[in-house]
Amino acid sequence: MVCYRMAMPRLSYWGGFRHLLHTPYISLVNLICGHEVVKELFAINFTEDNIRKELHQILHVQSYRQNMLNNYKNMKQVLGGPGASDRAAEIILAAINKYSSKLSIFFNKQPVPGGFGVFFK
């Protein structure tokens, strides 16, 4: 289970997460696997009742817990052996090198006011 407490949970959930991030998950486990492995409780879903229900599932429902453990094993296979972060860094660096000429238009430009550091031509 992954829990995130947020200020203004309703606004954070609808305004921030769903419309700005464009991703169905926020936890690394779920992002890597491409489906829900661990329950994500954040914003309006981060309640005492939801935490209690999820803990009950994990601790007392053997098939639920076993499914989660099997998904962790699958994630380990997806990541490969030790050095997954090094392999990811190599992939990112190769992509940066491949597209560096296209990205060069973003360098040495002034940030747009209120643009959170995003640079435009």
Protein backbone atom coordinates (compact mmCIF):
# COMPACT_ATOMS: atom_id res chain seq x y z
CA MET A 1 0.00 0.00 0.00
CA VAL A 2 1.24 3.45 -0.90
CA CYS A 3 -0.21 6.45 0.97
CA TYR A 4 0.21 10.12 0.16
CA ARG A 5 -1.30 12.83 2.30
CA MET A 6 -2.01 15.98 0.33
CA ALA A 7 -3.15 19.48 1.12
CA MET A 8 -6.55 20.19 -0.42
CA PRO A 9 -7.09 16.53 -1.39
CA ARG A 10 -10.09 17.06 -3.69
CA LEU A 11 -8.34 19.76 -5.68
CA SER A 12 -5.08 17.77 -5.74
CA TYR A 13 -6.84 14.65 -6.99
CA TRP A 14 -8.92 16.18 -9.77
CA GLY A 15 -6.88 19.24 -10.69
CA GLY A 16 -3.37 18.02 -10.19
CA PHE A 17 -3.07 14.31 -10.59
CA ARG A 18 -5.73 13.34 -13.08
CA HIS A 19 -5.47 16.30 -15.45
CA LEU A 20 -1.84 17.38 -15.24
CA LEU A 21 0.16 14.18 -14.81
CA HIS A 22 -1.75 12.02 -17.31
CA THR A 23 -0.72 8.79 -15.61
CA PRO A 24 -2.91 6.14 -14.03
CA TYR A 25 -0.45 5.47 -11.17
CA ILE A 26 1.86 7.37 -8.87
CA SER A 27 3.81 4.57 -7.19
CA LEU A 28 6.94 3.26 -8.84
CA VAL A 29 5.84 -0.36 -8.41
CA ASN A 30 2.60 0.19 -10.31
CA LEU A 31 4.28 2.33 -12.97
CA ILE A 32 6.90 -0.35 -13.65
CA CYS A 33 4.35 -3.17 -13.80
CA GLY A 34 1.78 -1.20 -15.78
CA HIS A 35 -1.06 -2.26 -13.49
CA GLU A 36 -2.03 -1.97 -9.85
CA VAL A 37 0.22 -4.12 -7.69
CA VAL A 38 -0.16 -2.03 -4.55
CA LYS A 39 -3.18 0.03 -3.60
CA GLU A 40 -2.52 3.76 -3.96
CA LEU A 41 -4.25 5.85 -1.34
CA PHE A 42 -3.77 9.55 -1.92
CA ALA A 43 -5.80 12.73 -1.86
CA ILE A 44 -9.50 11.91 -1.40
CA ASN A 45 -8.81 8.15 -1.17
CA PHE A 46 -6.40 8.53 1.75
CA THR A 47 -8.83 7.78 4.57
CA GLU A 48 -8.63 5.78 7.76
CA ASP A 49 -11.34 3.43 6.48
CA ASN A 50 -9.46 2.74 3.21
CA ILE A 51 -6.21 2.10 5.08
CA ARG A 52 -8.01 -0.32 7.42
CA LYS A 53 -9.62 -2.18 4.50
CA GLU A 54 -6.36 -2.53 2.60
CA LEU A 55 -4.42 -3.71 5.66
CA HIS A 56 -7.11 -6.30 6.29
CA GLN A 57 -6.75 -7.57 2.70
CA ILE A 58 -2.96 -7.78 2.94
CA LEU A 59 -2.87 -9.40 6.37
CA HIS A 60 -5.90 -11.71 6.30
CA VAL A 61 -6.75 -12.62 2.69
CA GLN A 62 -4.11 -15.10 1.59
CA SER A 63 -4.99 -14.99 -2.13
CA TYR A 64 -4.79 -11.18 -2.14
CA ARG A 65 -1.39 -11.21 -0.46
CA GLN A 66 -0.10 -14.00 -2.72
CA ASN A 67 -1.19 -12.11 -5.83
CA MET A 68 0.74 -9.05 -4.60
CA LEU A 69 3.85 -11.16 -3.93
CA ASN A 70 3.59 -12.76 -7.38
CA ASN A 71 3.40 -9.31 -8.95
CA TYR A 72 6.55 -8.30 -7.05
CA LYS A 73 8.31 -11.37 -8.50
CA ASN A 74 7.18 -10.34 -11.99
CA MET A 75 8.47 -6.81 -11.39
CA LYS A 76 11.83 -8.23 -10.37
CA GLN A 77 11.99 -10.13 -13.67
CA VAL A 78 11.08 -6.98 -15.61
CA LEU A 79 13.84 -5.03 -13.88
CA GLY A 80 16.39 -7.78 -14.37
CA GLY A 81 19.31 -8.44 -12.07
CA PRO A 82 21.27 -5.92 -10.05
CA GLY A 83 22.07 -2.70 -11.86
CA ALA A 84 18.56 -1.78 -13.06
CA SER A 85 19.12 1.89 -12.25
CA ASP A 86 22.40 1.88 -14.20
CA ARG A 87 20.65 0.32 -17.20
CA ALA A 88 17.87 2.90 -16.96
CA ALA A 89 20.45 5.71 -16.82
CA GLU A 90 22.16 4.33 -19.95
CA ILE A 91 18.83 4.26 -21.81
CA ILE A 92 18.06 7.84 -20.75
CA LEU A 93 21.54 9.04 -21.72
CA ALA A 94 21.27 7.35 -25.12
CA ALA A 95 17.90 9.03 -25.71
CA ILE A 96 19.33 12.42 -24.71
CA ASN A 97 22.27 11.95 -27.08
CA LYS A 98 19.96 10.83 -29.88
CA TYR A 99 17.68 13.84 -29.51
CA SER A 100 20.22 16.40 -28.32
CA SER A 101 19.96 18.47 -31.50
CA LYS A 102 16.20 18.68 -31.10
CA LEU A 103 16.58 19.54 -27.42
CA SER A 104 19.14 22.27 -28.09
CA ILE A 105 16.37 24.75 -28.82
CA PHE A 106 15.52 24.57 -25.11
CA PHE A 107 18.98 25.57 -23.92
CA ASN A 108 20.12 29.14 -23.31
CA LYS A 109 16.56 30.43 -23.31
CA GLN A 110 14.84 32.41 -20.58
CA PRO A 111 12.14 30.65 -18.55
CA VAL A 112 8.60 31.74 -19.20
CA PRO A 113 7.29 33.58 -16.10
CA GLY A 114 5.23 31.14 -14.08
CA GLY A 115 6.32 28.33 -16.41
CA PHE A 116 7.97 26.24 -13.69
CA GLY A 117 11.30 26.24 -15.48
CA VAL A 118 9.92 25.15 -18.84
CA PHE A 119 11.78 26.86 -21.63
CA PHE A 120 10.33 27.92 -24.94
CA LYS A 121 11.78 29.35 -28.12
